[in-house]
C-alpha atoms as a PDB file:
ATOM      1  CA  MET A   1       9.251  21.439  -9.897  1.00  0.00           C
ATOM      2  CA  THR A   2       7.811  24.420 -11.551  1.00  0.00           C
ATOM      3  CA  THR A   3       4.983  26.146 -10.119  1.00  0.00           C
ATOM      4  CA  THR A   4       3.624  26.665 -13.268  1.00  0.00           C
ATOM      5  CA  ALA A   5       3.350  23.085 -14.303  1.00  0.00           C
ATOM      6  CA  ARG A   6       0.627  20.766 -13.190  1.00  0.00           C
ATOM      7  CA  ALA A   7       1.875  18.059 -10.845  1.00  0.00           C
ATOM      8  CA  GLN A   8       1.495  14.688 -12.405  1.00  0.00           C
ATOM      9  CA  GLY A   9      -0.153  12.342  -9.561  1.00  0.00           C
ATOM     10  CA  ALA A  10      -0.240   8.785  -9.258  1.00  0.00           C
ATOM     11  CA  THR A  11      -0.994   5.897  -6.588  1.00  0.00           C
ATOM     12  CA  VAL A  12       1.426   3.495  -5.497  1.00  0.00           C
ATOM     13  CA  TRP A  13      -0.297   0.667  -3.546  1.00  0.00           C
ATOM     14  CA  LEU A  14       1.823  -1.374  -1.343  1.00  0.00           C
ATOM     15  CA  THR A  15       0.256  -4.705  -0.506  1.00  0.00           C
ATOM     16  CA  GLY A  16       1.798  -7.353   1.823  1.00  0.00           C
ATOM     17  CA  LEU A  17       1.113  -8.991   4.837  1.00  0.00           C
ATOM     18  CA  PRO A  18       1.184  -7.593   8.478  1.00  0.00           C
ATOM     19  CA  SER A  19       4.588  -6.295   9.464  1.00  0.00           C
ATOM     20  CA  ALA A  20       6.094  -6.639   5.666  1.00  0.00           C
ATOM     21  CA  GLY A  21       7.231  -3.011   5.783  1.00  0.00           C
ATOM     22  CA  LYS A  22       4.384  -1.468   3.837  1.00  0.00           C
ATOM     23  CA  THR A  23       4.173   1.747   6.115  1.00  0.00           C
ATOM     24  CA  THR A  24       7.900   1.985   6.570  1.00  0.00           C
ATOM     25  CA  ILE A  25       8.558   2.059   2.948  1.00  0.00           C
ATOM     26  CA  ALA A  26       5.690   4.381   2.187  1.00  0.00           C
ATOM     27  CA  GLN A  27       7.039   6.872   5.072  1.00  0.00           C
ATOM     28  CA  HIS A  28      10.491   6.650   3.549  1.00  0.00           C
ATOM     29  CA  LEU A  29       9.717   7.351   0.123  1.00  0.00           C
ATOM     30  CA  GLY A  30       7.236  10.379   1.496  1.00  0.00           C
ATOM     31  CA  GLU A  31      10.062  11.913   2.961  1.00  0.00           C
ATOM     32  CA  ARG A  32      12.092  11.804  -0.077  1.00  0.00           C
ATOM     33  CA  LEU A  33       9.440  13.057  -2.582  1.00  0.00           C
ATOM     34  CA  ARG A  34       8.539  15.986  -0.176  1.00  0.00           C
ATOM     35  CA  ALA A  35      12.169  16.996   0.234  1.00  0.00           C
ATOM     36  CA  GLU A  36      11.785  17.089  -3.828  1.00  0.00           C
ATOM     37  CA  GLY A  37       9.018  19.269  -3.672  1.00  0.00           C
ATOM     38  CA  HIS A  38       6.028  16.693  -4.630  1.00  0.00           C
ATOM     39  CA  ARG A  39       2.675  16.802  -3.334  1.00  0.00           C
ATOM     40  CA  VAL A  40       2.215  13.543  -1.162  1.00  0.00           C
ATOM     41  CA  GLU A  41      -0.239  11.556   0.937  1.00  0.00           C
ATOM     42  CA  VAL A  42       0.245   8.490   2.926  1.00  0.00           C
ATOM     43  CA  LEU A  43      -2.609   6.578   3.258  1.00  0.00           C
ATOM     44  CA  ASP A  44      -2.175   4.135   6.194  1.00  0.00           C
ATOM     45  CA  GLY A  45      -4.586   1.218   6.006  1.00  0.00           C
ATOM     46  CA  ASP A  46      -5.206   1.131  10.152  1.00  0.00           C
ATOM     47  CA  GLU A  47      -5.714   4.862   9.930  1.00  0.00           C
ATOM     48  CA  VAL A  48      -7.933   5.150   7.232  1.00  0.00           C
ATOM     49  CA  ARG A  49      -9.631   2.188   8.571  1.00  0.00           C
ATOM     50  CA  ARG A  50     -10.007   3.857  12.277  1.00  0.00           C
ATOM     51  CA  PHE A  51     -11.605   6.922  10.606  1.00  0.00           C
ATOM     52  CA  LEU A  52     -12.865   6.224   6.805  1.00  0.00           C
ATOM     53  CA  SER A  53     -13.760   2.866   7.453  1.00  0.00           C
ATOM     54  CA  ALA A  54     -14.824   2.899  11.184  1.00  0.00           C
ATOM     55  CA  GLY A  55     -17.426   0.258  11.705  1.00  0.00           C
ATOM     56  CA  LEU A  56     -16.231  -2.236   9.080  1.00  0.00           C
ATOM     57  CA  GLY A  57     -15.269  -5.573  10.605  1.00  0.00           C
ATOM     58  CA  PHE A  58     -12.610  -8.007   8.865  1.00  0.00           C
ATOM     59  CA  SER A  59     -14.916 -10.431   6.348  1.00  0.00           C
ATOM     60  CA  ARG A  60     -14.064 -10.451   3.049  1.00  0.00           C
ATOM     61  CA  GLU A  61     -17.060  -7.851   2.215  1.00  0.00           C
ATOM     62  CA  ASP A  62     -16.074  -5.336   5.009  1.00  0.00           C
ATOM     63  CA  ARG A  63     -12.098  -5.554   3.764  1.00  0.00           C
ATOM     64  CA  ASN A  64     -13.052  -5.143   0.216  1.00  0.00           C
ATOM     65  CA  THR A  65     -15.701  -1.974   1.044  1.00  0.00           C
ATOM     66  CA  ASN A  66     -12.153  -0.799   3.005  1.00  0.00           C
ATOM     67  CA  VAL A  67      -9.951  -1.279  -0.208  1.00  0.00           C
ATOM     68  CA  GLN A  68     -12.225   0.560  -2.506  1.00  0.00           C
ATOM     69  CA  ARG A  69     -12.987   3.274  -0.487  1.00  0.00           C
ATOM     70  CA  ILE A  70      -9.119   3.752   0.102  1.00  0.00           C
ATOM     71  CA  GLY A  71      -8.987   3.346  -3.699  1.00  0.00           C
ATOM     72  CA  LEU A  72     -11.166   5.832  -4.408  1.00  0.00           C
ATOM     73  CA  VAL A  73      -9.776   8.480  -1.957  1.00  0.00           C
ATOM     74  CA  SER A  74      -6.469   7.699  -3.787  1.00  0.00           C
ATOM     75  CA  GLU A  75      -7.707   7.839  -7.110  1.00  0.00           C
ATOM     76  CA  VAL A  76      -9.145  11.259  -6.482  1.00  0.00           C
ATOM     77  CA  LEU A  77      -5.736  12.376  -5.093  1.00  0.00           C
ATOM     78  CA  ALA A  78      -3.941  11.231  -7.477  1.00  0.00           C
ATOM     79  CA  ARG A  79      -6.536  12.466 -10.321  1.00  0.00           C
ATOM     80  CA  ASN A  80      -5.710  15.884  -8.744  1.00  0.00           C
ATOM     81  CA  GLY A  81      -1.821  15.773  -9.030  1.00  0.00           C
ATOM     82  CA  VAL A  82      -0.931  14.366  -5.434  1.00  0.00           C
ATOM     83  CA  LEU A  83       1.521  10.993  -5.155  1.00  0.00           C
ATOM     84  CA  SER A  84      -0.517   9.147  -3.388  1.00  0.00           C
ATOM     85  CA  LEU A  85       1.302   6.294  -1.154  1.00  0.00           C
ATOM     86  CA  VAL A  86      -1.009   3.274   0.105  1.00  0.00           C
ATOM     87  CA  PRO A  87       0.617   0.951   2.657  1.00  0.00           C
ATOM     88  CA  VAL A  88      -2.749  -1.343   2.624  1.00  0.00           C
ATOM     89  CA  ILE A  89      -2.786  -5.235   2.871  1.00  0.00           C
ATOM     90  CA  ALA A  90      -5.657  -5.642   0.619  1.00  0.00           C
ATOM     91  CA  PRO A  91      -5.597  -8.931   0.771  1.00  0.00           C
ATOM     92  CA  TYR A  92      -7.907  -9.902  -2.064  1.00  0.00           C
ATOM     93  CA  ALA A  93      -6.866  -9.681  -5.863  1.00  0.00           C
ATOM     94  CA  ASP A  94     -10.508  -8.845  -7.249  1.00  0.00           C
ATOM     95  CA  SER A  95     -10.303  -6.091  -4.551  1.00  0.00           C
ATOM     96  CA  ARG A  96      -7.093  -4.390  -6.251  1.00  0.00           C
ATOM     97  CA  GLU A  97      -8.269  -5.383  -9.230  1.00  0.00           C
ATOM     98  CA  ALA A  98     -11.222  -3.055  -9.127  1.00  0.00           C
ATOM     99  CA  VAL A  99      -9.226  -0.462  -7.803  1.00  0.00           C
ATOM    100  CA  ARG A 100      -6.874  -0.581 -10.455  1.00  0.00           C
ATOM    101  CA  LYS A 101      -9.698  -0.240 -13.211  1.00  0.00           C
ATOM    102  CA  ARG A 102     -10.949   2.697 -11.461  1.00  0.00           C
ATOM    103  CA  HIS A 103      -7.513   4.423 -11.967  1.00  0.00           C
ATOM    104  CA  GLU A 104      -7.698   3.258 -15.694  1.00  0.00           C
ATOM    105  CA  ALA A 105     -11.095   4.739 -16.207  1.00  0.00           C
ATOM    106  CA  SER A 106      -9.847   7.973 -15.021  1.00  0.00           C
ATOM    107  CA  ALA A 107      -6.264   7.598 -16.793  1.00  0.00           C
ATOM    108  CA  THR A 108      -4.727   7.656 -13.599  1.00  0.00           C
ATOM    109  CA  PRO A 109      -1.363   5.878 -12.950  1.00  0.00           C
ATOM    110  CA  TYR A 110      -1.476   3.145 -10.761  1.00  0.00           C
ATOM    111  CA  ILE A 111       1.436   0.907  -9.745  1.00  0.00           C
ATOM    112  CA  GLU A 112       1.104  -2.065  -7.598  1.00  0.00           C
ATOM    113  CA  VAL A 113       4.178  -3.171  -5.393  1.00  0.00           C
ATOM    114  CA  HIS A 114       4.356  -6.559  -3.447  1.00  0.00           C
ATOM    115  CA  VAL A 115       5.981  -5.965  -0.649  1.00  0.00           C
ATOM    116  CA  ALA A 116       6.662  -9.538  -0.749  1.00  0.00           C
ATOM    117  CA  THR A 117       8.002 -10.748   3.236  1.00  0.00           C
ATOM    118  CA  PRO A 118       7.540 -14.209   3.827  1.00  0.00           C
ATOM    119  CA  VAL A 119       5.162 -14.775   6.888  1.00  0.00           C
ATOM    120  CA  GLU A 120       8.145 -15.889   8.890  1.00  0.00           C
ATOM    121  CA  VAL A 121       9.810 -12.519   8.858  1.00  0.00           C
ATOM    122  CA  CYS A 122       6.442 -11.023   9.386  1.00  0.00           C
ATOM    123  CA  SER A 123       5.962 -13.073  12.316  1.00  0.00           C
ATOM    124  CA  ASP A 124       9.616 -12.369  14.043  1.00  0.00           C
ATOM    125  CA  ARG A 125       9.111  -8.514  13.112  1.00  0.00           C
ATOM    126  CA  ASP A 126       5.829  -8.759  14.773  1.00  0.00           C
ATOM    127  CA  VAL A 127       5.219  -4.666  14.856  1.00  0.00           C
ATOM    128  CA  LYS A 128       1.876  -4.557  16.258  1.00  0.00           C
ATOM    129  CA  GLY A 129       1.852  -7.896  18.019  1.00  0.00           C
ATOM    130  CA  LEU A 130      -0.675  -9.372  15.693  1.00  0.00           C
ATOM    131  CA  TYR A 131       1.443 -12.962  15.113  1.00  0.00           C
ATOM    132  CA  ALA A 132       1.923 -13.079  19.121  1.00  0.00           C
ATOM    133  CA  ARG A 133      -2.111 -12.654  19.545  1.00  0.00           C
ATOM    134  CA  GLN A 134      -2.739 -15.245  16.736  1.00  0.00           C
ATOM    135  CA  ALA A 135      -0.419 -17.867  18.023  1.00  0.00           C
ATOM    136  CA  ALA A 136      -1.986 -17.655  21.814  1.00  0.00           C
ATOM    137  CA  GLY A 137      -5.427 -17.976  20.466  1.00  0.00           C
ATOM    138  CA  HIS A 138      -6.483 -14.264  21.089  1.00  0.00           C
ATOM    139  CA  LEU A 139      -6.659 -13.373  17.313  1.00  0.00           C
ATOM    140  CA  THR A 140      -8.394 -14.986  14.484  1.00  0.00           C
ATOM    141  CA  GLY A 141      -8.431 -13.946  10.876  1.00  0.00           C
ATOM    142  CA  LEU A 142      -5.181 -12.626  10.628  1.00  0.00           C
ATOM    143  CA  THR A 143      -4.234 -12.359   7.057  1.00  0.00           C
ATOM    144  CA  GLY A 144      -1.460 -14.865   5.523  1.00  0.00           C
ATOM    145  CA  VAL A 145      -1.759 -17.351   8.768  1.00  0.00           C
ATOM    146  CA  ASP A 146      -5.354 -18.282   9.161  1.00  0.00           C
ATOM    147  CA  ASP A 147      -7.154 -15.624   6.649  1.00  0.00           C
ATOM    148  CA  PRO A 148      -6.409 -15.913   2.796  1.00  0.00           C
ATOM    149  CA  TYR A 149      -3.549 -13.328   1.390  1.00  0.00           C
ATOM    150  CA  GLU A 150      -3.789 -13.692  -2.531  1.00  0.00           C
ATOM    151  CA  PRO A 151      -0.280 -12.328  -3.660  1.00  0.00           C
ATOM    152  CA  PRO A 152      -0.152 -10.013  -6.958  1.00  0.00           C
ATOM    153  CA  THR A 153       0.593 -11.774  -9.892  1.00  0.00           C
ATOM    154  CA  ASP A 154       2.133  -8.884 -11.913  1.00  0.00           C
ATOM    155  CA  PRO A 155       2.908  -6.408  -9.917  1.00  0.00           C
ATOM    156  CA  ALA A 156       5.196  -3.573 -11.151  1.00  0.00           C
ATOM    157  CA  LEU A 157       7.692  -3.992  -8.580  1.00  0.00           C
ATOM    158  CA  THR A 158       8.284  -7.133  -6.129  1.00  0.00           C
ATOM    159  CA  LEU A 159      10.063  -5.735  -3.001  1.00  0.00           C
ATOM    160  CA  PRO A 160      11.878  -8.880  -0.997  1.00  0.00           C
ATOM    161  CA  THR A 161      12.187  -6.708   2.245  1.00  0.00           C
ATOM    162  CA  GLN A 162      13.942  -9.428   4.181  1.00  0.00           C
ATOM    163  CA  THR A 163      16.995  -8.741   1.945  1.00  0.00           C
ATOM    164  CA  GLN A 164      16.987  -4.933   1.536  1.00  0.00           C
ATOM    165  CA  SER A 165      16.595  -2.038   4.253  1.00  0.00           C
ATOM    166  CA  PRO A 166      13.473  -0.007   4.193  1.00  0.00           C
ATOM    167  CA  ARG A 167      15.471   2.814   2.110  1.00  0.00           C
ATOM    168  CA  GLU A 168      16.516   0.420  -0.288  1.00  0.00           C
ATOM    169  CA  SER A 169      13.098  -0.641  -0.378  1.00  0.00           C
ATOM    170  CA  ALA A 170      11.735   3.040  -1.072  1.00  0.00           C
ATOM    171  CA  ASP A 171      14.606   3.688  -3.534  1.00  0.00           C
ATOM    172  CA  ALA A 172      13.532   1.049  -5.725  1.00  0.00           C
ATOM    173  CA  VAL A 173       9.625   2.014  -5.786  1.00  0.00           C
ATOM    174  CA  TYR A 174      11.198   5.671  -6.701  1.00  0.00           C
ATOM    175  CA  ALA A 175      12.981   4.112  -9.591  1.00  0.00           C
ATOM    176  CA  VAL A 176       9.888   2.953 -11.005  1.00  0.00           C
ATOM    177  CA  LEU A 177       8.170   6.363 -10.528  1.00  0.00           C
ATOM    178  CA  SER A 178      10.899   7.883 -12.329  1.00  0.00           C
ATOM    179  CA  GLU A 179      11.193   5.124 -14.885  1.00  0.00           C
ATOM    180  CA  ARG A 180       7.340   6.340 -15.594  1.00  0.00           C
ATOM    181  CA  GLY A 181       8.037   9.792 -15.982  1.00  0.00           C
ATOM    182  CA  LEU A 182       5.953  10.853 -12.461  1.00  0.00           C
ATOM    183  CA  VAL A 183       9.313  12.223 -10.297  1.00  0.00           C
END
């Protein structure tokens, strides 16, 4: 990438259940993109919720507000030449659609990736102990278990992470970025 060329930004939204592998894939992809000289930000759902969306709960309305806030930040970054990687559950299709439309309105590339890990595999991974807490009755509203998750109907890419490594998943996302002329 030359310093005189304007960097092409895009949002890569990785949606999927808790412990599906969204953040790990984004981290692998981010490392590769940075090594190539791209400007990259990872907007991790947990981190953003702690700071940008502090005070929000997990009602449908609060989840929608959280997704819209993250979507706005990602769109602004992408519009300004940053490859924005967004590993966020975003359980509701209408919330993700609103983010996509915002990107379309500003002619900013938006790529939705479904990290399609079965709930049983996510429960076995249980990176944050959420599934164990839910099973023990200490947590309600767990996306994909006792709260809805609406999988994308037409994602740019579907990643079956139960049959591929995080690096292989990141490489598949990279391939989509490359096919679209974004890297």
